[in-house]
N, C-alpha and C. Protein backbone atom coordinates (compact mmCIF):
# COMPACT_ATOMS: atom_id res chain seq x y z
N MET A 1 82.28 100.35 103.86
CA MET A 1 83.35 98.69 103.43
C MET A 1 84.12 98.33 102.75
N LYS A 2 85.68 98.09 103.44
CA LYS A 2 86.44 97.19 102.68
C LYS A 2 85.81 96.84 101.45
N ASN A 3 86.95 97.06 100.21
CA ASN A 3 86.16 95.84 99.54
C ASN A 3 86.96 94.63 98.90
N PRO A 4 86.34 94.13 99.12
CA PRO A 4 87.28 92.74 98.64
C PRO A 4 88.97 92.45 98.16
N GLU A 5 88.67 93.35 96.70
CA GLU A 5 90.37 93.15 96.39
C GLU A 5 91.18 93.58 97.00
N ALA A 6 90.78 94.60 97.67
CA ALA A 6 91.79 95.62 98.31
C ALA A 6 92.78 94.36 99.52
N GLN A 7 91.62 92.91 100.41
CA GLN A 7 93.10 92.67 100.34
C GLN A 7 93.32 91.23 99.88
N GLN A 8 93.79 91.27 98.98
CA GLN A 8 94.18 90.27 98.15
C GLN A 8 95.57 89.95 98.82
N ASP A 9 95.83 88.72 98.64
CA ASP A 9 97.14 88.22 99.20
C ASP A 9 98.23 88.82 97.97
N VAL A 10 99.84 88.66 98.56
CA VAL A 10 100.68 90.39 97.82
C VAL A 10 101.88 88.48 97.44
N SER A 11 102.48 88.38 96.57
CA SER A 11 103.39 87.50 96.75
C SER A 11 105.08 88.13 97.28
N VAL A 12 105.66 87.35 97.15
CA VAL A 12 107.11 87.40 98.55
C VAL A 12 107.40 89.37 97.80
N SER A 13 107.57 89.42 96.38
CA SER A 13 108.08 89.61 96.31
C SER A 13 107.33 91.47 96.04
N GLN A 14 106.46 91.52 96.18
CA GLN A 14 105.78 92.82 96.45
C GLN A 14 105.47 93.07 97.54
N GLY A 15 105.94 91.80 99.07
CA GLY A 15 105.95 92.56 99.99
C GLY A 15 107.47 93.46 100.18
N ILE A 16 107.88 92.52 99.74
CA ILE A 16 109.65 93.24 100.07
C ILE A 16 109.46 94.56 99.80
N ARG A 17 108.56 94.57 98.43
CA ARG A 17 108.97 95.79 97.45
C ARG A 17 107.99 96.82 98.79
N MET A 18 106.98 96.39 99.29
CA MET A 18 106.62 96.89 99.69
C MET A 18 106.97 97.24 101.03
N MET A 19 108.04 96.66 102.17
CA MET A 19 108.24 96.38 103.06
C MET A 19 109.78 97.86 102.69
N PHE A 20 109.95 98.09 101.53
CA PHE A 20 111.12 98.92 101.07
C PHE A 20 110.46 100.29 100.62
N TYR A 21 109.31 100.37 100.39
CA TYR A 21 108.90 101.86 99.85
C TYR A 21 109.43 101.48 98.18
N VAL A 22 109.16 100.53 97.30
CA VAL A 22 109.92 100.29 96.01
C VAL A 22 108.60 100.55 95.00
N MET A 23 107.24 100.50 95.81
CA MET A 23 106.31 99.58 94.65
C MET A 23 106.58 101.23 93.47
N LYS A 24 105.33 100.62 92.36
CA LYS A 24 105.65 100.79 91.18
C LYS A 24 104.06 102.02 91.31
N PRO A 25 104.09 103.34 91.29
CA PRO A 25 102.89 104.41 90.91
C PRO A 25 101.13 103.67 90.96
N SER A 26 101.75 102.92 89.65
CA SER A 26 100.31 101.89 88.81
C SER A 26 99.95 100.85 90.24
N GLU A 27 100.77 100.29 91.01
CA GLU A 27 100.64 99.24 91.77
C GLU A 27 99.72 100.04 93.69
N THR A 28 100.25 101.30 92.89
CA THR A 28 99.88 101.98 95.00
C THR A 28 98.90 103.34 94.02
N SER A 29 98.17 103.06 93.17
CA SER A 29 96.87 103.91 92.61
C SER A 29 95.95 103.51 92.84
N PHE A 30 95.12 104.08 93.33
CA PHE A 30 93.48 103.66 93.28
C PHE A 30 92.65 104.50 93.37
N GLN A 31 91.26 104.39 92.67
CA GLN A 31 90.19 105.67 92.57
C GLN A 31 89.58 105.90 93.89
N THR A 32 89.68 104.60 94.57
CA THR A 32 88.67 105.37 96.50
C THR A 32 89.65 104.51 97.07
N LEU A 33 88.90 105.27 98.22
CA LEU A 33 89.98 104.76 99.90
C LEU A 33 89.15 102.91 100.42
N GLU A 34 88.69 102.89 99.60
CA GLU A 34 88.33 101.38 99.75
C GLU A 34 89.09 100.13 99.43
N GLU A 35 89.76 100.91 97.92
CA GLU A 35 90.26 99.92 97.71
C GLU A 35 91.69 99.98 98.09
N VAL A 36 92.25 100.95 98.80
CA VAL A 36 93.28 101.03 99.29
C VAL A 36 93.92 100.13 100.55
N PRO A 37 94.35 98.46 99.71
CA PRO A 37 94.61 97.81 100.84
C PRO A 37 95.64 98.58 102.45
N ASP A 38 95.35 97.19 103.02
CA ASP A 38 96.50 97.73 104.53
C ASP A 38 98.10 97.59 104.26
N TYR A 39 98.58 98.21 103.76
CA TYR A 39 100.21 97.41 103.46
C TYR A 39 101.14 96.92 104.97
N VAL A 40 100.17 97.92 106.64
CA VAL A 40 101.35 98.01 106.80
C VAL A 40 101.10 96.17 107.72
N ARG A 41 99.56 95.39 107.18
CA ARG A 41 99.70 94.34 107.92
C ARG A 41 99.42 93.38 107.12
N LYS A 42 99.98 93.51 105.55
CA LYS A 42 100.90 92.51 104.92
C LYS A 42 102.05 92.63 104.45
N ALA A 43 102.60 93.20 105.15
CA ALA A 43 103.31 93.53 105.67
C ALA A 43 104.22 93.65 106.53
N THR A 44 103.88 93.04 107.78
CA THR A 44 104.17 93.22 108.59
C THR A 44 104.94 91.17 109.38
N PRO A 45 103.74 90.66 108.74
CA PRO A 45 105.05 88.96 108.39
C PRO A 45 106.10 88.86 108.03
N LEU A 46 106.55 89.86 106.65
CA LEU A 46 107.57 89.80 106.12
C LEU A 46 108.59 90.38 107.04
N PHE A 47 108.44 91.27 107.50
CA PHE A 47 109.33 91.97 108.08
C PHE A 47 109.39 91.21 109.72
N ILE A 48 108.32 90.48 110.05
CA ILE A 48 109.26 89.15 111.36
C ILE A 48 109.53 88.19 111.27
N SER A 49 109.76 87.45 110.08
CA SER A 49 110.19 86.66 109.13
C SER A 49 111.72 86.94 109.06
N LEU A 50 111.97 88.71 108.17
CA LEU A 50 113.90 89.03 108.55
C LEU A 50 114.24 89.41 109.56
N MET A 51 113.42 89.67 110.89
CA MET A 51 113.90 90.21 112.50
C MET A 51 113.93 88.46 112.47
N LEU A 52 113.59 87.32 112.18
CA LEU A 52 113.25 85.66 113.14
C LEU A 52 115.36 85.85 111.61
N LEU A 53 115.53 85.52 110.42
CA LEU A 53 115.92 84.57 110.03
C LEU A 53 116.95 85.69 110.95
N GLU A 54 117.80 87.20 110.45
CA GLU A 54 118.56 88.29 111.50
C GLU A 54 118.36 87.27 112.59
N LEU A 55 118.29 86.89 113.32
CA LEU A 55 118.23 86.81 114.68
C LEU A 55 119.40 84.41 114.15
N VAL A 56 118.31 84.60 114.11
CA VAL A 56 119.78 83.21 113.74
C VAL A 56 120.34 83.73 112.74
N ILE A 57 120.02 83.91 111.69
CA ILE A 57 122.28 84.06 111.41
C ILE A 57 122.82 84.52 112.25
N SER A 58 122.97 85.76 113.26
CA SER A 58 123.38 86.42 114.38
C SER A 58 123.56 84.45 115.53
N TRP A 59 123.13 84.06 115.77
CA TRP A 59 122.91 83.34 116.48
C TRP A 59 124.00 81.92 115.96
N ILE A 60 123.87 81.60 114.91
CA ILE A 60 124.40 80.25 113.55
C ILE A 60 126.13 81.01 113.66
N ARG A 61 126.16 82.18 113.51
CA ARG A 61 127.77 82.83 113.30
C ARG A 61 128.49 83.59 114.59
N LYS A 62 127.57 83.57 115.84
CA LYS A 62 128.67 84.08 116.63
C LYS A 62 128.75 83.00 117.56
N GLY A 63 127.25 81.82 118.00
CA GLY A 63 127.90 80.81 118.10
C GLY A 63 127.29 81.12 119.72
N LYS A 64 126.42 81.72 120.29
CA LYS A 64 126.16 82.29 121.06
C LYS A 64 124.58 82.96 121.34
N PRO A 65 123.74 82.85 122.51
CA PRO A 65 122.41 83.26 122.06
C PRO A 65 122.63 84.41 122.02
N LEU A 66 121.26 84.82 121.26
CA LEU A 66 120.61 85.67 120.38
C LEU A 66 120.85 86.50 120.81
N GLY A 67 121.94 87.69 120.55
CA GLY A 67 122.37 88.81 121.15
C GLY A 67 121.97 90.51 120.37
N GLY A 68 121.30 90.20 119.47
CA GLY A 68 120.16 91.04 118.71
C GLY A 68 119.00 90.72 119.29
N LEU A 69 118.21 90.55 120.13
CA LEU A 69 117.59 90.20 120.71
C LEU A 69 116.58 91.19 120.99
N ASP A 70 117.43 91.58 121.95
CA ASP A 70 117.35 93.88 122.36
C ASP A 70 116.86 94.36 121.21
N ASP A 71 117.81 94.34 120.16
CA ASP A 71 117.01 95.63 119.07
C ASP A 71 116.10 94.79 117.84
N ALA A 72 115.77 93.81 117.82
CA ALA A 72 114.64 93.31 117.84
C ALA A 72 112.82 93.97 118.60
N LEU A 73 113.47 93.77 119.79
CA LEU A 73 112.24 93.52 120.58
C LEU A 73 112.22 95.32 120.50
N ALA A 74 112.80 96.72 120.12
CA ALA A 74 112.62 97.85 119.74
C ALA A 74 112.45 97.39 118.89
N SER A 75 112.44 97.40 117.70
CA SER A 75 111.82 97.40 116.78
C SER A 75 110.20 97.03 116.37
N LEU A 76 110.07 96.09 117.18
CA LEU A 76 108.99 95.67 117.27
C LEU A 76 108.04 96.02 118.45
N SER A 77 108.68 96.47 119.64
CA SER A 77 107.76 97.72 120.51
C SER A 77 108.18 99.68 118.98
N ALA A 78 108.71 98.99 118.42
CA ALA A 78 108.29 101.14 117.45
C ALA A 78 107.61 100.81 117.25
N GLY A 79 107.35 99.89 115.88
CA GLY A 79 106.66 99.28 115.40
C GLY A 79 105.31 99.40 115.59
N ILE A 80 105.01 98.57 117.27
CA ILE A 80 103.58 98.34 117.64
C ILE A 80 103.12 99.75 118.24
N MET A 81 103.89 100.47 118.80
CA MET A 81 103.82 102.64 118.63
C MET A 81 103.47 103.13 117.71
N SER A 82 103.93 103.02 116.75
CA SER A 82 103.70 103.68 116.35
C SER A 82 102.06 103.91 114.70
N GLN A 83 101.57 102.41 115.60
CA GLN A 83 100.38 101.70 114.84
C GLN A 83 99.51 102.48 116.22
N LEU A 84 99.47 103.17 117.29
CA LEU A 84 99.08 102.49 118.16
C LEU A 84 98.22 104.06 118.10
N PRO A 85 98.65 105.17 117.73
CA PRO A 85 97.72 106.56 116.98
C PRO A 85 96.34 106.37 116.73
N ARG A 86 96.60 105.55 115.34
CA ARG A 86 95.54 105.73 114.19
C ARG A 86 94.59 105.03 114.78
N LEU A 87 94.33 104.37 116.28
CA LEU A 87 93.15 104.51 117.46
C LEU A 87 91.82 105.59 117.10
N PHE A 88 92.92 106.55 116.99
CA PHE A 88 92.52 107.81 117.33
C PHE A 88 92.54 108.78 116.38
N TYR A 89 93.43 108.77 116.36
CA TYR A 89 93.73 110.26 114.76
C TYR A 89 93.51 109.50 113.73
N ARG A 90 93.13 108.67 113.15
CA ARG A 90 92.78 108.23 112.20
C ARG A 90 91.75 108.84 111.21
N SER A 91 90.42 108.70 112.30
CA SER A 91 89.22 109.05 111.98
C SER A 91 89.64 110.99 112.21
N ILE A 92 90.21 111.48 112.52
CA ILE A 92 90.16 112.60 112.59
C ILE A 92 90.77 113.66 111.18
N GLU A 93 91.76 113.03 111.36
CA GLU A 93 92.95 114.02 109.67
C GLU A 93 91.98 112.94 108.45
N LEU A 94 91.31 111.69 109.23
CA LEU A 94 90.39 111.38 107.80
C LEU A 94 89.08 112.47 107.01
N THR A 95 88.55 112.81 108.30
CA THR A 95 87.46 113.84 108.11
C THR A 95 87.93 115.28 108.22
N SER A 96 89.34 115.57 108.50
CA SER A 96 90.16 116.72 108.52
C SER A 96 90.24 116.51 106.11
N TYR A 97 90.86 115.71 106.38
CA TYR A 97 90.86 115.33 104.11
C TYR A 97 89.83 115.47 103.46
N VAL A 98 89.05 114.86 103.75
CA VAL A 98 87.49 115.32 103.13
C VAL A 98 86.94 116.76 102.96
N TYR A 99 87.03 117.07 104.37
CA TYR A 99 86.63 118.89 104.54
C TYR A 99 87.12 119.70 103.96
N ILE A 100 89.28 119.79 104.03
CA ILE A 100 89.06 120.46 102.91
C ILE A 100 89.53 120.08 101.47
N TRP A 101 88.79 118.72 101.18
CA TRP A 101 89.16 118.32 99.80
C TRP A 101 87.90 119.43 99.74
N GLU A 102 86.37 118.38 100.13
CA GLU A 102 85.14 118.62 99.20
C GLU A 102 85.34 121.05 99.64
N ASN A 103 85.78 121.14 100.08
CA ASN A 103 85.56 123.08 100.16
C ASN A 103 86.91 123.46 99.84
N TYR A 104 88.01 123.34 99.74
CA TYR A 104 89.06 123.93 99.23
C TYR A 104 90.23 123.48 97.89
N ARG A 105 89.93 122.65 97.44
CA ARG A 105 90.63 121.74 96.53
C ARG A 105 90.28 123.19 95.67
N LEU A 106 92.18 123.94 94.93
CA LEU A 106 91.96 124.05 93.96
C LEU A 106 92.23 123.54 92.79
N ILE A 107 91.92 122.37 92.22
CA ILE A 107 92.48 121.89 90.78
C ILE A 107 91.87 119.89 92.07
N SER A 108 91.49 119.27 90.53
CA SER A 108 91.73 117.85 90.96
C SER A 108 92.79 117.28 89.43
N LEU A 109 93.42 116.20 90.64
CA LEU A 109 94.02 115.80 89.09
C LEU A 109 94.11 114.40 89.26
N PRO A 110 93.77 113.67 87.85
CA PRO A 110 93.60 112.57 88.10
C PRO A 110 94.17 111.49 88.38
N TRP A 111 92.88 110.26 89.92
CA TRP A 111 94.26 109.70 90.32
C TRP A 111 94.87 108.67 89.44
N ASP A 112 94.77 107.54 88.72
CA ASP A 112 95.46 107.53 87.80
C ASP A 112 97.13 107.48 86.92
N SER A 113 97.07 108.87 87.08
CA SER A 113 97.48 109.48 86.05
C SER A 113 99.48 109.22 86.90
N PRO A 114 100.66 108.68 86.45
CA PRO A 114 101.26 108.66 87.43
C PRO A 114 101.82 110.22 87.73
N TRP A 115 101.73 111.04 86.62
CA TRP A 115 102.75 111.83 87.30
C TRP A 115 101.69 112.72 88.06
N THR A 116 100.51 112.68 88.72
CA THR A 116 100.08 112.71 90.00
C THR A 116 100.28 111.65 91.61
N TRP A 117 101.33 110.71 91.07
CA TRP A 117 101.72 110.18 91.54
C TRP A 117 103.21 111.19 92.21
N TYR A 118 103.68 110.94 91.17
CA TYR A 118 105.22 111.96 91.08
C TYR A 118 104.81 113.85 91.97
N LEU A 119 103.87 114.43 91.79
CA LEU A 119 103.54 115.35 92.31
C LEU A 119 103.51 114.70 93.58
N THR A 120 102.39 114.29 94.36
CA THR A 120 101.76 113.76 95.76
C THR A 120 103.32 113.39 96.54
N PHE A 121 104.15 112.70 95.38
CA PHE A 121 105.69 112.21 96.10
C PHE A 121 106.49 113.05 96.57
N LEU A 122 106.89 114.94 95.64
CA LEU A 122 107.32 116.28 96.21
C LEU A 122 106.59 116.36 96.68
N GLY A 123 105.17 116.78 96.74
CA GLY A 123 104.64 117.61 97.60
C GLY A 123 104.69 117.10 98.74
N VAL A 124 104.80 116.08 99.26
CA VAL A 124 105.16 115.05 100.64
C VAL A 124 106.49 115.25 100.73
N ASP A 125 107.57 115.00 100.94
CA ASP A 125 108.28 114.98 100.52
C ASP A 125 109.30 116.63 100.87
N PHE A 126 108.74 117.50 100.37
CA PHE A 126 108.97 118.73 100.14
C PHE A 126 108.25 119.23 101.81
N GLY A 127 106.66 119.05 102.67
CA GLY A 127 106.62 119.02 103.20
C GLY A 127 107.38 119.10 104.71
N TYR A 128 107.31 117.43 104.47
CA TYR A 128 108.69 117.04 105.39
C TYR A 128 109.69 117.94 105.60
N TYR A 129 110.03 117.98 104.46
CA TYR A 129 111.47 118.73 104.30
C TYR A 129 111.38 120.29 105.08
N TRP A 130 110.06 120.84 105.31
CA TRP A 130 110.02 122.10 106.21
C TRP A 130 109.26 121.86 107.35
N PHE A 131 108.72 120.95 107.23
CA PHE A 131 108.66 119.91 108.96
C PHE A 131 109.73 119.86 109.11
N HIS A 132 110.51 119.24 109.11
CA HIS A 132 111.40 118.40 109.79
C HIS A 132 112.69 120.16 110.05
N ARG A 133 113.01 120.57 108.88
CA ARG A 133 113.74 121.56 109.41
C ARG A 133 113.46 122.64 110.52
N MET A 134 112.18 123.45 110.41
CA MET A 134 111.61 123.91 111.78
C MET A 134 111.50 123.33 112.31
N ALA A 135 111.11 121.92 112.83
CA ALA A 135 111.80 121.22 114.02
C ALA A 135 113.21 121.64 114.44
N HIS A 136 113.56 121.20 114.14
CA HIS A 136 115.29 121.53 114.11
C HIS A 136 115.73 122.97 114.31
N GLY A 137 115.17 123.37 113.85
CA GLY A 137 115.36 125.17 113.98
C GLY A 137 114.62 125.63 115.37
N LYS A 138 113.90 125.48 116.12
CA LYS A 138 112.82 125.61 117.24
C LYS A 138 114.57 124.48 118.17
N PHE A 139 114.28 122.89 118.12
CA PHE A 139 115.22 123.03 119.06
C PHE A 139 116.55 123.48 118.91
N GLN A 140 117.29 124.58 117.94
CA GLN A 140 118.49 124.78 118.81
C GLN A 140 118.46 125.72 118.63
N THR A 141 116.87 126.59 118.81
CA THR A 141 117.10 128.13 119.38
C THR A 141 116.98 127.42 120.39
N LYS A 142 115.87 126.57 121.98
CA LYS A 142 116.07 125.98 122.68
C LYS A 142 117.10 125.74 123.88
N ALA A 143 117.99 125.29 122.47
CA ALA A 143 119.31 124.84 123.29
C ALA A 143 120.16 125.70 122.89
N LEU A 144 120.37 126.92 122.10
CA LEU A 144 121.41 128.44 122.14
C LEU A 144 120.84 129.11 123.45
N LEU A 145 119.51 128.78 123.37
CA LEU A 145 118.81 129.79 125.14
C LEU A 145 119.61 128.74 125.98
N LEU A 146 119.12 127.65 126.22
CA LEU A 146 119.93 126.92 127.33
C LEU A 146 121.41 127.12 127.89
N LEU A 147 122.35 127.06 126.67
CA LEU A 147 123.16 126.99 126.35
C LEU A 147 123.57 128.41 127.04
N ASN A 148 123.35 129.89 126.65
CA ASN A 148 123.27 131.19 127.19
C ASN A 148 123.10 131.21 128.54
N LEU A 149 121.30 130.79 128.74
CA LEU A 149 121.11 130.80 130.76
C LEU A 149 122.33 130.29 131.52
N LEU A 150 122.93 129.07 131.00
CA LEU A 150 124.02 128.20 131.84
C LEU A 150 125.73 129.46 131.63
N ASN A 151 125.87 129.68 131.14
CA ASN A 151 127.07 130.55 130.77
C ASN A 151 127.24 132.10 131.37
């Protein structure tokens, strides 16, 4: 069951910082999984408000109907689509993580240390870098193969 404190309201400044990933480590470190707030749910109203503000300003400045409506709908659709896999994959992801943590961890870092946050940030960024690089490598290999077949 979720901790009621995890669902507390956030200030506008904290909501903006959530949306742009500029939270302090002390604000995003939690001892248990139940304490972690649902950041997406908390940032969504601010995201929609800023999107509507952009559309209104665009309408006022250009004096014509909402020109960025297609972009706004695309952003909303992308946001919805990014959350759909959570229905299925979240349980698999969490179960796998807990299993690996309980059976294969090498060290335990203190959950409330800023160093843990910084090391985790660098580790995730390093992992994403290699994932991204390999994805491009696979694409380039297929693209070169296709070009060779066409020539």
